[in-house]
Amino acid sequence: MGNTKLLIDGDILTYRTCWAVQTEVQWDDDIVTTATNLKELEFQSKNTVEYWINQFEVKNREDVTICFSDRINNFRRKIFPEYKANRKGSKKPLGYNHLETFLKKAYNSFVLDNCEADDALGVLATSYTKNMRPVIISIDKDMLTIPCEYYNIDSKEVLKINKEDADFMFFHQTLTGDSVDNYKGCPGIGKKRADALLKEKGATWETVLDAFVNAGLDADDALTQARVARILRASDYNFGKEEVILWNPL
C-alpha cells in the first residue's frame, strides 16, 4: 500500500460543521435570533479532520489537503448558464467564511481556478504516482466518476473505483443529469434506463450519443451535458495555462 494522500471536500466539511454548531434562540413569538460559536466551529472541524487522519493512518500532516470551490468563477456556467441556477438566493450558514479561512490556515488547501471542490479532488486524486494512495473524503455521488479510493462520510464505506467503473458512472451521469445541479441529461432516461443502455450497448460515447439522438437532440446537446457532468481528472486541466480542458470523446 502506497503513501496515503487524504483529499477532503472542504465545502462539505465547512457547510456541515457550520450547520451543526449554529443555534436558534426564540425570545418570544416574534423574535428569533441565530448564533454560532466560532471557537466551537474551529474545534469541531479540526476534531473531524484529525479523526480521519487517524482512521486512515496518515502520518504526515503534509499529506492532508482540503479542497474548496472557486467561489467567483465556474467553468460550467460558461458552457451551460442554467447550471445550479436553481440555487440562487440560497444562504450559507453562519460562520461559513470564518471556518473556511480557518481550515485553509490549519491545513494544506487547494482551490482550482474556475472549478468546484469536486474537480479539485478529482484532479489531485488522478495526479499522483502509483506509489501514492489518494483517498477522497466526501458525500458526493459525483466522486463515483473518479478512479480513486473514496470514503463516503455518510455511509462510512470505502470504495475502490477503477477507471472502467468511473467511466461507466460518468456516462451514466451524462444520461440521467442531476436535478440538484439543474442539468437534465437525456430526456426520458432515468437511472434504471441508463443502467440498462450502458450494460446492453456498452459504456461508450456512441451509446450516449445514440440516446440523445433518439430523444430528438443532437451531438452538441449531448456534449454539453457531458461537459457539465464531467468531474475533472488530471488530464482535464492545463496547469500551465490555468484552464480547464473541456472533455471531448476520443
C-alpha atoms as a PDB file:
ATOM      1  CA  MET A   1       0.000   0.000   0.000  1.00  0.00           C
ATOM      2  CA  GLY A   2       1.385   3.406  -1.002  1.00  0.00           C
ATOM      3  CA  ASN A   3       1.711   6.607   0.930  1.00  0.00           C
ATOM      4  CA  THR A   4      -1.812   7.826   1.768  1.00  0.00           C
ATOM      5  CA  LYS A   5      -2.862  11.235   0.450  1.00  0.00           C
ATOM      6  CA  LEU A   6      -6.028  12.393   2.208  1.00  0.00           C
ATOM      7  CA  LEU A   7      -8.158  14.648  -0.001  1.00  0.00           C
ATOM      8  CA  ILE A   8     -11.058  16.255   1.873  1.00  0.00           C
ATOM      9  CA  ASP A   9     -14.084  18.019   0.413  1.00  0.00           C
ATOM     10  CA  GLY A  10     -13.761  21.353   2.205  1.00  0.00           C
ATOM     11  CA  ASP A  11     -17.112  22.665   1.011  1.00  0.00           C
ATOM     12  CA  ILE A  12     -18.923  19.754   2.650  1.00  0.00           C
ATOM     13  CA  LEU A  13     -16.837  19.865   5.827  1.00  0.00           C
ATOM     14  CA  THR A  14     -17.395  23.609   6.250  1.00  0.00           C
ATOM     15  CA  TYR A  15     -21.088  23.529   5.419  1.00  0.00           C
ATOM     16  CA  ARG A  16     -21.955  20.630   7.703  1.00  0.00           C
ATOM     17  CA  THR A  17     -19.896  21.854  10.644  1.00  0.00           C
ATOM     18  CA  CYS A  18     -21.459  25.297  10.461  1.00  0.00           C
ATOM     19  CA  TRP A  19     -24.999  23.924  10.418  1.00  0.00           C
ATOM     20  CA  ALA A  20     -24.226  21.575  13.303  1.00  0.00           C
ATOM     21  CA  VAL A  21     -22.927  24.372  15.521  1.00  0.00           C
ATOM     22  CA  GLN A  22     -25.465  27.042  14.550  1.00  0.00           C
ATOM     23  CA  THR A  23     -28.236  27.550  17.113  1.00  0.00           C
ATOM     24  CA  GLU A  24     -31.509  29.458  17.289  1.00  0.00           C
ATOM     25  CA  VAL A  25     -32.988  31.164  20.323  1.00  0.00           C
ATOM     26  CA  GLN A  26     -36.664  32.163  20.390  1.00  0.00           C
ATOM     27  CA  TRP A  27     -37.172  35.093  22.735  1.00  0.00           C
ATOM     28  CA  ASP A  28     -40.915  35.418  22.177  1.00  0.00           C
ATOM     29  CA  ASP A  29     -43.443  34.724  19.456  1.00  0.00           C
ATOM     30  CA  ASP A  30     -41.970  37.319  17.123  1.00  0.00           C
ATOM     31  CA  ILE A  31     -38.244  37.354  17.859  1.00  0.00           C
ATOM     32  CA  VAL A  32     -35.808  34.586  16.949  1.00  0.00           C
ATOM     33  CA  THR A  33     -32.039  35.082  16.854  1.00  0.00           C
ATOM     34  CA  THR A  34     -29.457  32.835  15.230  1.00  0.00           C
ATOM     35  CA  ALA A  35     -25.960  32.465  16.625  1.00  0.00           C
ATOM     36  CA  THR A  36     -22.827  30.387  16.283  1.00  0.00           C
ATOM     37  CA  ASN A  37     -19.693  29.838  18.345  1.00  0.00           C
ATOM     38  CA  LEU A  38     -16.601  30.446  16.216  1.00  0.00           C
ATOM     39  CA  LYS A  39     -14.268  28.609  18.588  1.00  0.00           C
ATOM     40  CA  GLU A  40     -16.614  25.632  18.572  1.00  0.00           C
ATOM     41  CA  LEU A  41     -16.595  25.679  14.758  1.00  0.00           C
ATOM     42  CA  GLU A  42     -12.819  25.534  14.757  1.00  0.00           C
ATOM     43  CA  PHE A  43     -12.712  22.789  17.367  1.00  0.00           C
ATOM     44  CA  GLN A  44     -15.348  20.576  15.733  1.00  0.00           C
ATOM     45  CA  SER A  45     -13.898  20.838  12.233  1.00  0.00           C
ATOM     46  CA  LYS A  46     -10.347  20.155  13.371  1.00  0.00           C
ATOM     47  CA  ASN A  47     -11.535  17.255  15.500  1.00  0.00           C
ATOM     48  CA  THR A  48     -13.241  15.763  12.433  1.00  0.00           C
ATOM     49  CA  VAL A  49     -10.139  16.108  10.266  1.00  0.00           C
ATOM     50  CA  GLU A  50      -7.930  14.591  12.960  1.00  0.00           C
ATOM     51  CA  TYR A  51     -10.352  11.663  13.241  1.00  0.00           C
ATOM     52  CA  TRP A  52      -9.947  10.966   9.513  1.00  0.00           C
ATOM     53  CA  ILE A  53      -6.183  11.340   9.763  1.00  0.00           C
ATOM     54  CA  ASN A  54      -6.113   8.651  12.457  1.00  0.00           C
ATOM     55  CA  GLN A  55      -8.636   6.459  10.653  1.00  0.00           C
ATOM     56  CA  PHE A  56      -6.512   6.310   7.506  1.00  0.00           C
ATOM     57  CA  GLU A  57      -3.213   6.257   9.427  1.00  0.00           C
ATOM     58  CA  VAL A  58      -1.824   9.381   7.792  1.00  0.00           C
ATOM     59  CA  LYS A  59       1.499  10.044   9.500  1.00  0.00           C
ATOM     60  CA  ASN A  60       2.455  13.301   7.814  1.00  0.00           C
ATOM     61  CA  ARG A  61       0.091  16.284   8.022  1.00  0.00           C
ATOM     62  CA  GLU A  62       1.537  17.449   4.693  1.00  0.00           C
ATOM     63  CA  ASP A  63      -0.321  14.521   3.132  1.00  0.00           C
ATOM     64  CA  VAL A  64      -3.689  16.109   4.001  1.00  0.00           C
ATOM     65  CA  THR A  65      -5.257  18.541   1.528  1.00  0.00           C
ATOM     66  CA  ILE A  66      -8.636  20.231   1.951  1.00  0.00           C
ATOM     67  CA  CYS A  67     -10.183  21.243  -1.370  1.00  0.00           C
ATOM     68  CA  PHE A  68     -12.526  24.180  -1.835  1.00  0.00           C
ATOM     69  CA  SER A  69     -14.525  25.616  -4.721  1.00  0.00           C
ATOM     70  CA  ASP A  70     -13.581  28.742  -6.613  1.00  0.00           C
ATOM     71  CA  ARG A  71     -16.482  30.851  -5.366  1.00  0.00           C
ATOM     72  CA  ILE A  72     -16.103  33.505  -8.059  1.00  0.00           C
ATOM     73  CA  ASN A  73     -15.854  31.606 -11.344  1.00  0.00           C
ATOM     74  CA  ASN A  74     -17.240  28.285 -12.527  1.00  0.00           C
ATOM     75  CA  PHE A  75     -16.451  26.961 -15.989  1.00  0.00           C
ATOM     76  CA  ARG A  76     -19.728  25.015 -16.149  1.00  0.00           C
ATOM     77  CA  ARG A  77     -21.805  28.197 -16.083  1.00  0.00           C
ATOM     78  CA  LYS A  78     -19.931  29.450 -19.127  1.00  0.00           C
ATOM     79  CA  ILE A  79     -20.947  26.453 -21.227  1.00  0.00           C
ATOM     80  CA  PHE A  80     -24.356  25.954 -19.569  1.00  0.00           C
ATOM     81  CA  PRO A  81     -25.709  29.149 -17.914  1.00  0.00           C
ATOM     82  CA  GLU A  82     -28.533  27.273 -16.153  1.00  0.00           C
ATOM     83  CA  TYR A  83     -26.068  25.209 -14.135  1.00  0.00           C
ATOM     84  CA  LYS A  84     -27.064  25.494 -10.451  1.00  0.00           C
ATOM     85  CA  ALA A  85     -29.312  28.439 -11.297  1.00  0.00           C
ATOM     86  CA  ASN A  86     -31.893  26.843  -9.000  1.00  0.00           C
ATOM     87  CA  ARG A  87     -29.647  27.668  -6.035  1.00  0.00           C
ATOM     88  CA  LYS A  88     -29.642  31.438  -6.466  1.00  0.00           C
ATOM     89  CA  GLY A  89     -30.519  33.176  -3.238  1.00  0.00           C
ATOM     90  CA  SER A  90     -29.643  30.209  -1.023  1.00  0.00           C
ATOM     91  CA  LYS A  91     -27.781  31.265   2.100  1.00  0.00           C
ATOM     92  CA  LYS A  92     -24.785  29.689   3.740  1.00  0.00           C
ATOM     93  CA  PRO A  93     -24.875  29.033   7.499  1.00  0.00           C
ATOM     94  CA  LEU A  94     -23.354  31.451   9.993  1.00  0.00           C
ATOM     95  CA  GLY A  95     -19.577  31.269  10.315  1.00  0.00           C
ATOM     96  CA  TYR A  96     -19.010  29.762   6.864  1.00  0.00           C
ATOM     97  CA  ASN A  97     -16.403  32.290   5.720  1.00  0.00           C
ATOM     98  CA  HIS A  98     -14.661  32.219   9.083  1.00  0.00           C
ATOM     99  CA  LEU A  99     -14.387  28.436   9.126  1.00  0.00           C
ATOM    100  CA  GLU A 100     -13.214  28.205   5.516  1.00  0.00           C
ATOM    101  CA  THR A 101     -10.439  30.705   6.292  1.00  0.00           C
ATOM    102  CA  PHE A 102      -9.515  28.808   9.459  1.00  0.00           C
ATOM    103  CA  LEU A 103      -9.251  25.457   7.650  1.00  0.00           C
ATOM    104  CA  LYS A 104      -7.133  26.993   4.874  1.00  0.00           C
ATOM    105  CA  LYS A 105      -4.661  28.172   7.513  1.00  0.00           C
ATOM    106  CA  ALA A 106      -4.725  24.992   9.603  1.00  0.00           C
ATOM    107  CA  TYR A 107      -4.108  22.541   6.723  1.00  0.00           C
ATOM    108  CA  ASN A 108      -2.876  22.410   3.161  1.00  0.00           C
ATOM    109  CA  SER A 109      -5.669  23.680   0.948  1.00  0.00           C
ATOM    110  CA  PHE A 110      -6.293  23.647  -2.780  1.00  0.00           C
ATOM    111  CA  VAL A 111      -8.579  25.720  -4.989  1.00  0.00           C
ATOM    112  CA  LEU A 112      -8.621  25.021  -8.718  1.00  0.00           C
ATOM    113  CA  ASP A 113      -9.309  28.155 -10.765  1.00  0.00           C
ATOM    114  CA  ASN A 114     -12.809  28.230 -12.314  1.00  0.00           C
ATOM    115  CA  CYS A 115     -13.674  24.886 -10.706  1.00  0.00           C
ATOM    116  CA  GLU A 116     -15.558  23.314  -7.843  1.00  0.00           C
ATOM    117  CA  ALA A 117     -14.148  21.368  -4.928  1.00  0.00           C
ATOM    118  CA  ASP A 118     -15.197  18.137  -6.675  1.00  0.00           C
ATOM    119  CA  ASP A 119     -12.940  18.999  -9.605  1.00  0.00           C
ATOM    120  CA  ALA A 120     -10.018  19.846  -7.336  1.00  0.00           C
ATOM    121  CA  LEU A 121     -10.458  16.466  -5.618  1.00  0.00           C
ATOM    122  CA  GLY A 122     -10.651  14.651  -8.948  1.00  0.00           C
ATOM    123  CA  VAL A 123      -7.602  16.355 -10.425  1.00  0.00           C
ATOM    124  CA  LEU A 124      -5.444  15.707  -7.360  1.00  0.00           C
ATOM    125  CA  ALA A 125      -6.602  12.096  -6.965  1.00  0.00           C
ATOM    126  CA  THR A 126      -5.587  11.283 -10.555  1.00  0.00           C
ATOM    127  CA  SER A 127      -2.300  13.225 -10.448  1.00  0.00           C
ATOM    128  CA  TYR A 128      -0.295  11.100  -8.038  1.00  0.00           C
ATOM    129  CA  THR A 129       2.243   8.447  -8.951  1.00  0.00           C
ATOM    130  CA  LYS A 130       1.493   4.749  -8.497  1.00  0.00           C
ATOM    131  CA  ASN A 131       3.202   4.562  -5.099  1.00  0.00           C
ATOM    132  CA  MET A 132       0.697   7.057  -3.700  1.00  0.00           C
ATOM    133  CA  ARG A 133      -2.703   6.142  -2.253  1.00  0.00           C
ATOM    134  CA  PRO A 134      -5.148   9.021  -2.750  1.00  0.00           C
ATOM    135  CA  VAL A 135      -8.300   8.800  -0.615  1.00  0.00           C
ATOM    136  CA  ILE A 136     -11.152  11.220  -1.332  1.00  0.00           C
ATOM    137  CA  ILE A 137     -13.422  12.075   1.597  1.00  0.00           C
ATOM    138  CA  SER A 138     -16.829  13.432   0.604  1.00  0.00           C
ATOM    139  CA  ILE A 139     -20.527  12.571   0.369  1.00  0.00           C
ATOM    140  CA  ASP A 140     -20.990  13.437  -3.299  1.00  0.00           C
ATOM    141  CA  LYS A 141     -22.070  10.683  -5.696  1.00  0.00           C
ATOM    142  CA  ASP A 142     -20.069  12.503  -8.372  1.00  0.00           C
ATOM    143  CA  MET A 143     -16.940  11.042  -6.781  1.00  0.00           C
ATOM    144  CA  LEU A 144     -18.012   7.714  -8.264  1.00  0.00           C
ATOM    145  CA  THR A 145     -16.922   9.124 -11.640  1.00  0.00           C
ATOM    146  CA  ILE A 146     -13.301   9.420 -10.454  1.00  0.00           C
ATOM    147  CA  PRO A 147     -10.903   6.456 -10.440  1.00  0.00           C
ATOM    148  CA  CYS A 148      -9.840   6.622  -6.817  1.00  0.00           C
ATOM    149  CA  GLU A 149     -10.359   5.311  -3.315  1.00  0.00           C
ATOM    150  CA  TYR A 150     -13.445   7.072  -1.999  1.00  0.00           C
ATOM    151  CA  TYR A 151     -14.637   7.291   1.609  1.00  0.00           C
ATOM    152  CA  ASN A 152     -18.303   8.264   1.907  1.00  0.00           C
ATOM    153  CA  ILE A 153     -18.821  10.262   5.116  1.00  0.00           C
ATOM    154  CA  ASP A 154     -22.460   9.211   5.460  1.00  0.00           C
ATOM    155  CA  SER A 155     -22.277   5.501   4.697  1.00  0.00           C
ATOM    156  CA  LYS A 156     -18.770   5.038   6.186  1.00  0.00           C
ATOM    157  CA  GLU A 157     -17.964   2.901   3.144  1.00  0.00           C
ATOM    158  CA  VAL A 158     -14.589   2.877   1.428  1.00  0.00           C
ATOM    159  CA  LEU A 159     -14.989   2.237  -2.294  1.00  0.00           C
ATOM    160  CA  LYS A 160     -12.150   1.435  -4.659  1.00  0.00           C
ATOM    161  CA  ILE A 161     -13.190   2.760  -8.061  1.00  0.00           C
ATOM    162  CA  ASN A 162     -11.279   1.671 -11.151  1.00  0.00           C
ATOM    163  CA  LYS A 163     -11.213   3.584 -14.441  1.00  0.00           C
ATOM    164  CA  GLU A 164     -13.775   1.333 -16.100  1.00  0.00           C
ATOM    165  CA  ASP A 165     -16.315   1.858 -13.315  1.00  0.00           C
ATOM    166  CA  ALA A 166     -15.581   5.585 -13.182  1.00  0.00           C
ATOM    167  CA  ASP A 167     -16.157   5.953 -16.931  1.00  0.00           C
ATOM    168  CA  PHE A 168     -19.404   3.988 -16.649  1.00  0.00           C
ATOM    169  CA  MET A 169     -20.667   6.362 -13.960  1.00  0.00           C
ATOM    170  CA  PHE A 170     -19.599   9.414 -15.973  1.00  0.00           C
ATOM    171  CA  PHE A 171     -21.676   8.282 -18.958  1.00  0.00           C
ATOM    172  CA  HIS A 172     -24.488   7.335 -16.588  1.00  0.00           C
ATOM    173  CA  GLN A 173     -24.473  10.836 -15.097  1.00  0.00           C
ATOM    174  CA  THR A 174     -24.463  12.380 -18.567  1.00  0.00           C
ATOM    175  CA  LEU A 175     -27.603  10.420 -19.431  1.00  0.00           C
ATOM    176  CA  THR A 176     -29.518  10.981 -16.195  1.00  0.00           C
ATOM    177  CA  GLY A 177     -28.467  14.542 -15.430  1.00  0.00           C
ATOM    178  CA  ASP A 178     -28.673  15.957 -11.924  1.00  0.00           C
ATOM    179  CA  SER A 179     -31.702  17.896 -10.704  1.00  0.00           C
ATOM    180  CA  VAL A 180     -29.732  19.240  -7.734  1.00  0.00           C
ATOM    181  CA  ASP A 181     -27.246  20.872 -10.110  1.00  0.00           C
ATOM    182  CA  ASN A 182     -30.003  21.815 -12.583  1.00  0.00           C
ATOM    183  CA  TYR A 183     -28.931  19.959 -15.712  1.00  0.00           C
ATOM    184  CA  LYS A 184     -31.319  17.458 -17.230  1.00  0.00           C
ATOM    185  CA  GLY A 185     -29.245  14.866 -19.099  1.00  0.00           C
ATOM    186  CA  CYS A 186     -31.107  12.954 -21.794  1.00  0.00           C
ATOM    187  CA  PRO A 187     -34.915  13.388 -21.802  1.00  0.00           C
ATOM    188  CA  GLY A 188     -36.805  10.286 -20.741  1.00  0.00           C
ATOM    189  CA  ILE A 189     -33.830   8.445 -19.291  1.00  0.00           C
ATOM    190  CA  GLY A 190     -33.710   7.709 -15.574  1.00  0.00           C
ATOM    191  CA  LYS A 191     -31.239   5.659 -13.570  1.00  0.00           C
ATOM    192  CA  LYS A 192     -32.642   2.234 -14.480  1.00  0.00           C
ATOM    193  CA  ARG A 193     -32.826   3.016 -18.187  1.00  0.00           C
ATOM    194  CA  ALA A 194     -29.300   4.448 -18.167  1.00  0.00           C
ATOM    195  CA  ASP A 195     -28.010   1.289 -16.439  1.00  0.00           C
ATOM    196  CA  ALA A 196     -29.713  -0.913 -18.993  1.00  0.00           C
ATOM    197  CA  LEU A 197     -28.466   1.050 -22.005  1.00  0.00           C
ATOM    198  CA  LEU A 198     -24.844   1.161 -20.873  1.00  0.00           C
ATOM    199  CA  LYS A 199     -24.802  -2.522 -19.933  1.00  0.00           C
ATOM    200  CA  GLU A 200     -26.573  -3.742 -23.070  1.00  0.00           C
ATOM    201  CA  LYS A 201     -24.924  -1.487 -25.650  1.00  0.00           C
ATOM    202  CA  GLY A 202     -21.651  -0.715 -23.912  1.00  0.00           C
ATOM    203  CA  ALA A 203     -20.444   2.137 -21.731  1.00  0.00           C
ATOM    204  CA  THR A 204     -19.259   4.242 -24.673  1.00  0.00           C
ATOM    205  CA  TRP A 205     -19.838   7.697 -26.079  1.00  0.00           C
ATOM    206  CA  GLU A 206     -21.644   6.125 -29.033  1.00  0.00           C
ATOM    207  CA  THR A 207     -24.258   4.683 -26.666  1.00  0.00           C
ATOM    208  CA  VAL A 208     -24.746   8.054 -25.008  1.00  0.00           C
ATOM    209  CA  LEU A 209     -24.929   9.926 -28.313  1.00  0.00           C
ATOM    210  CA  ASP A 210     -27.472   7.471 -29.766  1.00  0.00           C
ATOM    211  CA  ALA A 211     -29.707   8.022 -26.739  1.00  0.00           C
ATOM    212  CA  PHE A 212     -29.674  11.796 -27.230  1.00  0.00           C
ATOM    213  CA  VAL A 213     -30.334  11.497 -30.965  1.00  0.00           C
ATOM    214  CA  ASN A 214     -33.213   9.081 -30.335  1.00  0.00           C
ATOM    215  CA  ALA A 215     -34.648  11.659 -27.929  1.00  0.00           C
ATOM    216  CA  GLY A 216     -34.659  14.291 -30.693  1.00  0.00           C
ATOM    217  CA  LEU A 217     -31.467  16.100 -29.660  1.00  0.00           C
ATOM    218  CA  ASP A 218     -28.084  16.355 -31.361  1.00  0.00           C
ATOM    219  CA  ALA A 219     -24.379  15.847 -30.701  1.00  0.00           C
ATOM    220  CA  ASP A 220     -23.927  19.367 -29.339  1.00  0.00           C
ATOM    221  CA  ASP A 221     -26.674  18.787 -26.771  1.00  0.00           C
ATOM    222  CA  ALA A 222     -25.060  15.538 -25.675  1.00  0.00           C
ATOM    223  CA  LEU A 223     -21.587  17.062 -25.462  1.00  0.00           C
ATOM    224  CA  THR A 224     -22.794  20.000 -23.368  1.00  0.00           C
ATOM    225  CA  GLN A 225     -24.409  17.647 -20.852  1.00  0.00           C
ATOM    226  CA  ALA A 226     -21.261  15.505 -20.755  1.00  0.00           C
ATOM    227  CA  ARG A 227     -19.023  18.512 -20.112  1.00  0.00           C
ATOM    228  CA  VAL A 228     -21.256  19.680 -17.289  1.00  0.00           C
ATOM    229  CA  ALA A 229     -21.377  16.165 -15.789  1.00  0.00           C
ATOM    230  CA  ARG A 230     -17.634  15.630 -16.079  1.00  0.00           C
ATOM    231  CA  ILE A 231     -15.782  15.850 -12.770  1.00  0.00           C
ATOM    232  CA  LEU A 232     -12.288  16.806 -13.846  1.00  0.00           C
ATOM    233  CA  ARG A 233      -9.360  14.436 -13.807  1.00  0.00           C
ATOM    234  CA  ALA A 234      -5.701  15.390 -14.189  1.00  0.00           C
ATOM    235  CA  SER A 235      -5.972  15.117 -17.978  1.00  0.00           C
ATOM    236  CA  ASP A 236      -8.804  17.675 -17.982  1.00  0.00           C
ATOM    237  CA  TYR A 237      -6.818  20.611 -16.619  1.00  0.00           C
ATOM    238  CA  ASN A 238      -3.899  22.596 -18.072  1.00  0.00           C
ATOM    239  CA  PHE A 239      -1.869  23.885 -15.139  1.00  0.00           C
ATOM    240  CA  GLY A 240       0.449  25.895 -17.383  1.00  0.00           C
ATOM    241  CA  LYS A 241      -2.448  27.978 -18.700  1.00  0.00           C
ATOM    242  CA  GLU A 242      -4.571  27.521 -15.556  1.00  0.00           C
ATOM    243  CA  GLU A 243      -7.580  26.496 -17.590  1.00  0.00           C
ATOM    244  CA  VAL A 244      -9.999  23.611 -17.988  1.00  0.00           C
ATOM    245  CA  ILE A 245      -9.589  21.296 -20.960  1.00  0.00           C
ATOM    246  CA  LEU A 246     -13.216  20.660 -21.910  1.00  0.00           C
ATOM    247  CA  TRP A 247     -13.956  16.955 -22.284  1.00  0.00           C
ATOM    248  CA  ASN A 248     -14.105  15.529 -25.784  1.00  0.00           C
ATOM    249  CA  PRO A 249     -14.918  11.952 -26.853  1.00  0.00           C
ATOM    250  CA  LEU A 250     -11.887  10.117 -28.195  1.00  0.00           C
END
